[in-house]
C-alpha atoms as a PDB file:
ATOM      1  CA  MET A   1     100.457 125.111  92.028  1.00  0.00           C
ATOM      2  CA  SER A   2     103.390 124.031  94.210  1.00  0.00           C
ATOM      3  CA  ALA A   3     103.395 120.918  96.368  1.00  0.00           C
ATOM      4  CA  LEU A   4     102.447 121.379 100.021  1.00  0.00           C
ATOM      5  CA  LEU A   5     102.621 117.682 100.933  1.00  0.00           C
ATOM      6  CA  GLN A   6     104.822 114.983  99.441  1.00  0.00           C
ATOM      7  CA  VAL A   7     104.409 111.287 100.307  1.00  0.00           C
ATOM      8  CA  SER A   8     107.329 109.164  99.081  1.00  0.00           C
ATOM      9  CA  LYS A   9     107.695 105.357  99.109  1.00  0.00           C
ATOM     10  CA  LEU A  10     105.568 105.164 102.247  1.00  0.00           C
ATOM     11  CA  CYS A  11     104.980 101.839 103.994  1.00  0.00           C
ATOM     12  CA  PHE A  12     103.130 101.246 107.242  1.00  0.00           C
ATOM     13  CA  CYS A  13     102.359  98.090 109.217  1.00  0.00           C
ATOM     14  CA  TYR A  14     100.135  97.110 112.112  1.00  0.00           C
ATOM     15  CA  GLY A  15     102.188  94.351 113.641  1.00  0.00           C
ATOM     16  CA  ARG A  16     103.203  92.099 110.768  1.00  0.00           C
ATOM     17  CA  GLU A  17     100.386  93.246 108.503  1.00  0.00           C
ATOM     18  CA  ARG A  18     101.485  95.769 105.887  1.00  0.00           C
ATOM     19  CA  VAL A  19      98.545  98.150 105.508  1.00  0.00           C
ATOM     20  CA  LEU A  20     100.183 100.625 103.124  1.00  0.00           C
ATOM     21  CA  ASP A  21     102.885  99.709 100.641  1.00  0.00           C
ATOM     22  CA  ASN A  22     104.977 102.066  98.480  1.00  0.00           C
ATOM     23  CA  VAL A  23     102.491 104.945  98.524  1.00  0.00           C
ATOM     24  CA  ASN A  24     103.554 107.958  96.480  1.00  0.00           C
ATOM     25  CA  LEU A  25     101.473 111.106  96.061  1.00  0.00           C
ATOM     26  CA  SER A  26     101.643 114.860  96.283  1.00  0.00           C
ATOM     27  CA  ILE A  27      99.070 117.442  97.328  1.00  0.00           C
ATOM     28  CA  ASN A  28      99.380 121.007  96.121  1.00  0.00           C
ATOM     29  CA  HIS A  29      98.565 124.239  97.863  1.00  0.00           C
ATOM     30  CA  GLN A  30      94.853 125.073  97.647  1.00  0.00           C
ATOM     31  CA  GLU A  31      93.978 121.684  96.166  1.00  0.00           C
ATOM     32  CA  PHE A  32      90.821 119.718  97.022  1.00  0.00           C
ATOM     33  CA  VAL A  33      91.674 116.004  97.064  1.00  0.00           C
ATOM     34  CA  ALA A  34      89.208 113.133  97.481  1.00  0.00           C
ATOM     35  CA  ILE A  35      90.569 109.880  98.896  1.00  0.00           C
ATOM     36  CA  ILE A  36      88.468 106.837  98.060  1.00  0.00           C
ATOM     37  CA  GLY A  37      88.866 103.070  98.201  1.00  0.00           C
ATOM     38  CA  PRO A  38      87.529  99.892  99.812  1.00  0.00           C
ATOM     39  CA  ASN A  39      87.072  99.390 103.544  1.00  0.00           C
ATOM     40  CA  GLY A  40      90.314  98.177 105.068  1.00  0.00           C
ATOM     41  CA  GLY A  41      92.354  99.603 102.191  1.00  0.00           C
ATOM     42  CA  GLY A  42      94.327 101.981 104.427  1.00  0.00           C
ATOM     43  CA  LYS A  43      92.536 105.305 103.878  1.00  0.00           C
ATOM     44  CA  SER A  44      92.169 106.264 107.541  1.00  0.00           C
ATOM     45  CA  THR A  45      95.698 105.090 108.290  1.00  0.00           C
ATOM     46  CA  LEU A  46      97.041 107.330 105.530  1.00  0.00           C
ATOM     47  CA  ALA A  47      95.061 110.271 106.932  1.00  0.00           C
ATOM     48  CA  LYS A  48      96.579 109.718 110.388  1.00  0.00           C
ATOM     49  CA  LEU A  49     100.050 109.504 108.866  1.00  0.00           C
ATOM     50  CA  MET A  50      99.534 112.777 106.977  1.00  0.00           C
ATOM     51  CA  ALA A  51      98.257 114.381 110.191  1.00  0.00           C
ATOM     52  CA  GLY A  52     101.357 113.254 112.096  1.00  0.00           C
ATOM     53  CA  LEU A  53      99.443 110.913 114.426  1.00  0.00           C
ATOM     54  CA  LEU A  54     101.348 107.891 113.095  1.00  0.00           C
ATOM     55  CA  THR A  55     104.939 107.523 111.859  1.00  0.00           C
ATOM     56  CA  PRO A  56     105.836 105.735 108.610  1.00  0.00           C
ATOM     57  CA  HIS A  57     107.867 102.543 108.973  1.00  0.00           C
ATOM     58  CA  ILE A  58     109.450 103.149 105.574  1.00  0.00           C
ATOM     59  CA  GLY A  59     109.419 106.246 103.382  1.00  0.00           C
ATOM     60  CA  SER A  60     108.591 109.815 104.240  1.00  0.00           C
ATOM     61  CA  ILE A  61     105.928 112.496 104.466  1.00  0.00           C
ATOM     62  CA  THR A  62     107.225 116.022 104.040  1.00  0.00           C
ATOM     63  CA  TYR A  63     105.531 119.402 104.128  1.00  0.00           C
ATOM     64  CA  THR A  64     106.676 122.586 102.446  1.00  0.00           C
ATOM     65  CA  PRO A  65     107.068 124.669 104.510  1.00  0.00           C
ATOM     66  CA  SER A  66     108.102 122.206 107.224  1.00  0.00           C
ATOM     67  CA  ASN A  67     106.044 124.077 109.830  1.00  0.00           C
ATOM     68  CA  ALA A  68     102.814 123.858 107.830  1.00  0.00           C
ATOM     69  CA  ARG A  69      99.754 123.836 110.095  1.00  0.00           C
ATOM     70  CA  ILE A  70      97.583 120.722 109.925  1.00  0.00           C
ATOM     71  CA  GLY A  71      93.893 120.440 110.783  1.00  0.00           C
ATOM     72  CA  TYR A  72      92.474 116.937 111.287  1.00  0.00           C
ATOM     73  CA  VAL A  73      88.924 115.696 111.839  1.00  0.00           C
ATOM     74  CA  ALA A  74      88.627 112.017 112.734  1.00  0.00           C
ATOM     75  CA  GLN A  75      85.828 109.741 111.575  1.00  0.00           C
ATOM     76  CA  ASN A  76      84.500 108.749 115.001  1.00  0.00           C
ATOM     77  CA  THR A  77      82.416 111.482 116.660  1.00  0.00           C
ATOM     78  CA  MET A  78      80.914 109.180 119.299  1.00  0.00           C
ATOM     79  CA  GLU A  79      83.710 109.297 121.894  1.00  0.00           C
ATOM     80  CA  HIS A  80      83.554 111.154 125.233  1.00  0.00           C
ATOM     81  CA  LEU A  81      79.949 112.240 124.709  1.00  0.00           C
ATOM     82  CA  ASP A  82      79.373 112.297 128.464  1.00  0.00           C
ATOM     83  CA  PHE A  83      82.108 114.870 129.015  1.00  0.00           C
ATOM     84  CA  PRO A  84      80.432 118.070 130.344  1.00  0.00           C
ATOM     85  CA  ILE A  85      81.685 120.524 127.737  1.00  0.00           C
ATOM     86  CA  SER A  86      79.822 122.819 125.371  1.00  0.00           C
ATOM     87  CA  ALA A  87      80.102 122.910 121.601  1.00  0.00           C
ATOM     88  CA  TYR A  88      81.753 126.338 121.850  1.00  0.00           C
ATOM     89  CA  GLU A  89      84.377 125.039 124.281  1.00  0.00           C
ATOM     90  CA  VAL A  90      85.139 122.161 121.923  1.00  0.00           C
ATOM     91  CA  VAL A  91      85.698 124.618 119.078  1.00  0.00           C
ATOM     92  CA  MET A  92      87.974 126.753 121.263  1.00  0.00           C
ATOM     93  CA  MET A  93      90.227 123.733 121.734  1.00  0.00           C
ATOM     94  CA  GLY A  94      91.295 124.298 118.142  1.00  0.00           C
ATOM     95  CA  PHE A  95      93.721 126.933 119.391  1.00  0.00           C
ATOM     96  CA  LEU A  96      96.204 124.155 120.049  1.00  0.00           C
ATOM     97  CA  HIS A  97      99.030 126.239 121.470  1.00  0.00           C
ATOM     98  CA  LYS A  98      96.884 128.464 123.648  1.00  0.00           C
ATOM     99  CA  ARG A  99      95.106 128.063 126.965  1.00  0.00           C
ATOM    100  CA  PHE A 100      91.628 128.221 125.503  1.00  0.00           C
ATOM    101  CA  LEU A 101      90.014 129.093 128.847  1.00  0.00           C
ATOM    102  CA  LEU A 102      92.049 132.346 128.761  1.00  0.00           C
ATOM    103  CA  ALA A 103      91.413 133.011 125.111  1.00  0.00           C
ATOM    104  CA  THR A 104      91.728 136.466 123.630  1.00  0.00           C
ATOM    105  CA  ARG A 105      88.769 138.430 122.326  1.00  0.00           C
ATOM    106  CA  GLU A 106      90.027 137.835 118.780  1.00  0.00           C
ATOM    107  CA  GLN A 107      90.162 134.062 119.309  1.00  0.00           C
ATOM    108  CA  LYS A 108      86.657 133.971 120.744  1.00  0.00           C
ATOM    109  CA  ALA A 109      85.341 135.985 117.810  1.00  0.00           C
ATOM    110  CA  TYR A 110      87.136 133.724 115.320  1.00  0.00           C
ATOM    111  CA  ALA A 111      85.722 130.576 116.954  1.00  0.00           C
ATOM    112  CA  LEU A 112      82.189 131.959 116.713  1.00  0.00           C
ATOM    113  CA  GLU A 113      82.845 132.977 113.097  1.00  0.00           C
ATOM    114  CA  MET A 114      83.870 129.408 112.253  1.00  0.00           C
ATOM    115  CA  MET A 115      80.792 128.031 114.017  1.00  0.00           C
ATOM    116  CA  ASP A 116      78.602 130.453 112.094  1.00  0.00           C
ATOM    117  CA  ARG A 117      80.243 129.430 108.814  1.00  0.00           C
ATOM    118  CA  LEU A 118      79.505 125.776 109.611  1.00  0.00           C
ATOM    119  CA  GLY A 119      75.936 126.597 110.672  1.00  0.00           C
ATOM    120  CA  VAL A 120      76.288 125.653 114.344  1.00  0.00           C
ATOM    121  CA  SER A 121      76.698 129.007 116.108  1.00  0.00           C
ATOM    122  CA  HIS A 122      73.204 128.618 117.589  1.00  0.00           C
ATOM    123  CA  LEU A 123      74.444 125.451 119.323  1.00  0.00           C
ATOM    124  CA  ALA A 124      77.357 127.155 121.083  1.00  0.00           C
ATOM    125  CA  ARG A 125      76.038 126.555 124.625  1.00  0.00           C
ATOM    126  CA  ARG A 126      74.692 123.061 124.007  1.00  0.00           C
ATOM    127  CA  LYS A 127      76.602 120.126 125.480  1.00  0.00           C
ATOM    128  CA  ILE A 128      78.555 118.240 122.844  1.00  0.00           C
ATOM    129  CA  GLY A 129      76.863 114.978 123.859  1.00  0.00           C
ATOM    130  CA  ALA A 130      73.414 116.467 123.180  1.00  0.00           C
ATOM    131  CA  LEU A 131      74.163 117.161 119.522  1.00  0.00           C
ATOM    132  CA  SER A 132      73.317 114.941 116.581  1.00  0.00           C
ATOM    133  CA  GLY A 133      76.103 113.190 114.682  1.00  0.00           C
ATOM    134  CA  GLY A 134      75.979 115.758 111.898  1.00  0.00           C
ATOM    135  CA  GLU A 135      76.050 118.674 114.340  1.00  0.00           C
ATOM    136  CA  ARG A 136      79.032 117.200 116.168  1.00  0.00           C
ATOM    137  CA  GLN A 137      80.858 116.761 112.873  1.00  0.00           C
ATOM    138  CA  ARG A 138      80.345 120.428 112.011  1.00  0.00           C
ATOM    139  CA  VAL A 139      81.576 121.453 115.472  1.00  0.00           C
ATOM    140  CA  LEU A 140      84.719 119.362 115.025  1.00  0.00           C
ATOM    141  CA  ILE A 141      85.382 120.905 111.614  1.00  0.00           C
ATOM    142  CA  ALA A 142      85.023 124.364 113.179  1.00  0.00           C
ATOM    143  CA  ARG A 143      87.519 123.306 115.877  1.00  0.00           C
ATOM    144  CA  ALA A 144      90.026 122.204 113.226  1.00  0.00           C
ATOM    145  CA  LEU A 145      89.630 125.537 111.411  1.00  0.00           C
ATOM    146  CA  CYS A 146      90.599 127.449 114.556  1.00  0.00           C
ATOM    147  CA  ALA A 147      94.150 126.195 114.017  1.00  0.00           C
ATOM    148  CA  LYS A 148      94.084 128.177 110.735  1.00  0.00           C
ATOM    149  CA  PRO A 149      95.526 125.150 108.932  1.00  0.00           C
ATOM    150  CA  ASP A 150      97.422 125.076 105.675  1.00  0.00           C
ATOM    151  CA  ILE A 151      95.852 121.661 105.063  1.00  0.00           C
ATOM    152  CA  LEU A 152      92.598 120.268 106.442  1.00  0.00           C
ATOM    153  CA  ILE A 153      92.295 116.472 106.536  1.00  0.00           C
ATOM    154  CA  LEU A 154      88.832 114.998 107.130  1.00  0.00           C
ATOM    155  CA  ASP A 155      87.971 111.322 107.531  1.00  0.00           C
ATOM    156  CA  GLU A 156      84.376 110.682 106.376  1.00  0.00           C
ATOM    157  CA  PRO A 157      83.086 114.135 107.408  1.00  0.00           C
ATOM    158  CA  THR A 158      79.606 113.506 105.986  1.00  0.00           C
ATOM    159  CA  ALA A 159      79.050 109.985 107.341  1.00  0.00           C
ATOM    160  CA  SER A 160      76.390 111.125 109.840  1.00  0.00           C
ATOM    161  CA  ILE A 161      74.821 113.874 107.738  1.00  0.00           C
ATOM    162  CA  ASP A 162      71.809 113.811 105.422  1.00  0.00           C
ATOM    163  CA  LEU A 163      72.083 114.515 101.692  1.00  0.00           C
ATOM    164  CA  LYS A 164      71.468 118.258 101.973  1.00  0.00           C
ATOM    165  CA  GLY A 165      73.933 118.469 104.833  1.00  0.00           C
ATOM    166  CA  GLN A 166      76.540 116.630 102.763  1.00  0.00           C
ATOM    167  CA  GLU A 167      76.216 119.123  99.938  1.00  0.00           C
ATOM    168  CA  ASP A 168      76.442 122.016 102.414  1.00  0.00           C
ATOM    169  CA  ILE A 169      79.644 120.611 103.937  1.00  0.00           C
ATOM    170  CA  PHE A 170      81.270 120.006 100.549  1.00  0.00           C
ATOM    171  CA  ARG A 171      80.372 123.530  99.390  1.00  0.00           C
ATOM    172  CA  ILE A 172      81.941 124.962 102.553  1.00  0.00           C
ATOM    173  CA  LEU A 173      85.084 122.882 101.988  1.00  0.00           C
ATOM    174  CA  GLN A 174      85.231 124.020  98.371  1.00  0.00           C
ATOM    175  CA  THR A 175      85.161 127.642  99.551  1.00  0.00           C
ATOM    176  CA  LEU A 176      87.894 126.919 102.093  1.00  0.00           C
ATOM    177  CA  SER A 177      90.098 125.384  99.392  1.00  0.00           C
ATOM    178  CA  ALA A 178      90.678 128.918  98.094  1.00  0.00           C
ATOM    179  CA  ARG A 179      93.040 129.416 101.050  1.00  0.00           C
ATOM    180  CA  MET A 180      94.053 125.922 102.191  1.00  0.00           C
ATOM    181  CA  SER A 181      94.436 122.388 100.890  1.00  0.00           C
ATOM    182  CA  ILE A 182      91.527 120.044 101.582  1.00  0.00           C
ATOM    183  CA  VAL A 183      91.825 116.254 101.837  1.00  0.00           C
ATOM    184  CA  VAL A 184      88.584 114.320 102.307  1.00  0.00           C
ATOM    185  CA  ILE A 185      88.124 110.576 102.757  1.00  0.00           C
ATOM    186  CA  SER A 186      84.650 109.811 101.487  1.00  0.00           C
ATOM    187  CA  HIS A 187      82.357 107.085 100.167  1.00  0.00           C
ATOM    188  CA  ASP A 188      79.939 109.719  98.834  1.00  0.00           C
ATOM    189  CA  LEU A 189      81.503 109.748  95.373  1.00  0.00           C
ATOM    190  CA  SER A 190      78.587 111.233  93.474  1.00  0.00           C
ATOM    191  CA  ALA A 191      78.630 114.232  95.819  1.00  0.00           C
ATOM    192  CA  ILE A 192      82.333 114.841  96.362  1.00  0.00           C
ATOM    193  CA  LEU A 193      83.326 114.526  92.700  1.00  0.00           C
ATOM    194  CA  ARG A 194      81.507 117.797  92.040  1.00  0.00           C
ATOM    195  CA  TYR A 195      84.043 119.570  94.233  1.00  0.00           C
ATOM    196  CA  ALA A 196      87.347 117.651  94.199  1.00  0.00           C
ATOM    197  CA  HIS A 197      90.278 118.576  91.963  1.00  0.00           C
ATOM    198  CA  LYS A 198      91.916 115.151  92.205  1.00  0.00           C
ATOM    199  CA  ILE A 199      91.028 111.590  93.247  1.00  0.00           C
ATOM    200  CA  VAL A 200      93.410 109.290  95.100  1.00  0.00           C
ATOM    201  CA  TYR A 201      92.365 105.635  95.206  1.00  0.00           C
ATOM    202  CA  ILE A 202      93.886 103.835  98.205  1.00  0.00           C
ATOM    203  CA  ASN A 203      93.974 100.060  98.458  1.00  0.00           C
ATOM    204  CA  LYS A 204      97.294  99.358 100.167  1.00  0.00           C
ATOM    205  CA  THR A 205      98.978 101.505  97.525  1.00  0.00           C
ATOM    206  CA  ALA A 206      97.858 104.697  95.762  1.00  0.00           C
ATOM    207  CA  VAL A 207      96.514 105.375  92.262  1.00  0.00           C
ATOM    208  CA  LEU A 208      95.762 108.894  91.036  1.00  0.00           C
ATOM    209  CA  HIS A 209      92.746 109.502  88.830  1.00  0.00           C
ATOM    210  CA  ASP A 210      91.351 112.527  87.056  1.00  0.00           C
ATOM    211  CA  VAL A 211      87.960 113.729  88.246  1.00  0.00           C
ATOM    212  CA  PRO A 212      85.207 112.690  85.778  1.00  0.00           C
ATOM    213  CA  ASP A 213      83.582 115.484  83.817  1.00  0.00           C
ATOM    214  CA  VAL A 214      81.116 116.994  86.272  1.00  0.00           C
ATOM    215  CA  GLU A 215      79.026 118.691  83.565  1.00  0.00           C
ATOM    216  CA  PHE A 216      78.476 115.305  81.937  1.00  0.00           C
ATOM    217  CA  ILE A 217      77.507 113.728  85.258  1.00  0.00           C
ATOM    218  CA  GLU A 218      75.010 116.480  86.005  1.00  0.00           C
ATOM    219  CA  SER A 219      73.549 116.597  82.484  1.00  0.00           C
ATOM    220  CA  SER A 220      73.161 112.834  82.216  1.00  0.00           C
ATOM    221  CA  GLY A 221      71.910 112.457  85.773  1.00  0.00           C
ATOM    222  CA  HIS A 222      74.016 109.322  86.120  1.00  0.00           C
ATOM    223  CA  PHE A 223      77.369 108.467  87.584  1.00  0.00           C
ATOM    224  CA  CYS A 224      78.485 104.873  87.946  1.00  0.00           C
ATOM    225  CA  GLU A 225      80.704 104.475  91.002  1.00  0.00           C
ATOM    226  CA  ILE A 226      81.288 100.816  90.108  1.00  0.00           C
ATOM    227  CA  ASP A 227      82.849 101.821  86.768  1.00  0.00           C
ATOM    228  CA  LEU A 228      85.206 104.255  88.488  1.00  0.00           C
ATOM    229  CA  PHE A 229      86.269 101.699  91.098  1.00  0.00           C
ATOM    230  CA  TYR A 230      86.838  99.168  88.313  1.00  0.00           C
ATOM    231  CA  GLN A 231      89.017 101.599  86.367  1.00  0.00           C
ATOM    232  CA  LEU A 232      91.079 102.408  89.446  1.00  0.00           C
ATOM    233  CA  THR A 233      91.464  98.740  90.391  1.00  0.00           C
ATOM    234  CA  GLN A 234      92.690  97.946  86.884  1.00  0.00           C
ATOM    235  CA  SER A 235      95.127 100.869  87.036  1.00  0.00           C
ATOM    236  CA  GLN A 236      96.429  99.581  90.348  1.00  0.00           C
ATOM    237  CA  LYS A 237      96.989  96.106  88.924  1.00  0.00           C
ATOM    238  CA  GLU A 238      98.824  97.538  85.898  1.00  0.00           C
ATOM    239  CA  ALA A 239     101.047  99.631  88.178  1.00  0.00           C
ATOM    240  CA  ARG A 240     102.189  96.476  89.913  1.00  0.00           C
END
């Protein structure tokens, strides 16, 4: 697989605080990448940088091709809930370069297809503020998919969803990775490791880690997240 995204010697600061320092990683076409790490380690900041919402202070983020389409789903789904807009209208906003109120028949059909794939087509006329956290998250993923992205970046997409819903979302993302790259920030390690191709541990800098053997995890019925975090922390210390 060839690299779609290359992060090189990236540094980013909020004021005088350096949040990310010398981050290097690559993401290939059609690769499912899990980003994990402690709270405050810079995961969400890295996601915003990859999505083009922030600009690196040092280093670079490059896409090949340079006009690669990016889909982004933020962690917070609780904003603007009083805005009088339906779930369907939110999804239609995914056509970023179009006037979604004058959408074509094809765009409308595609939006409904994405909602159906995410299991929220029956909520199309409901106001976005009337939906549960999990339903809103699915609507926002459907919106991101309307951009037909080459890479889909999601920040804690299962934070407001029950266990079955988490598995459903990860299975959908796994299917989508057959035609786009998927990057997911998640604390649900036991779930996401069944689907990810690669793990990136972020705690100011980045450490890559192979995905543990899923067959062993499932057969033993046990996966120790503490052990994995310990291994990654030790690898980070050795890299310094």
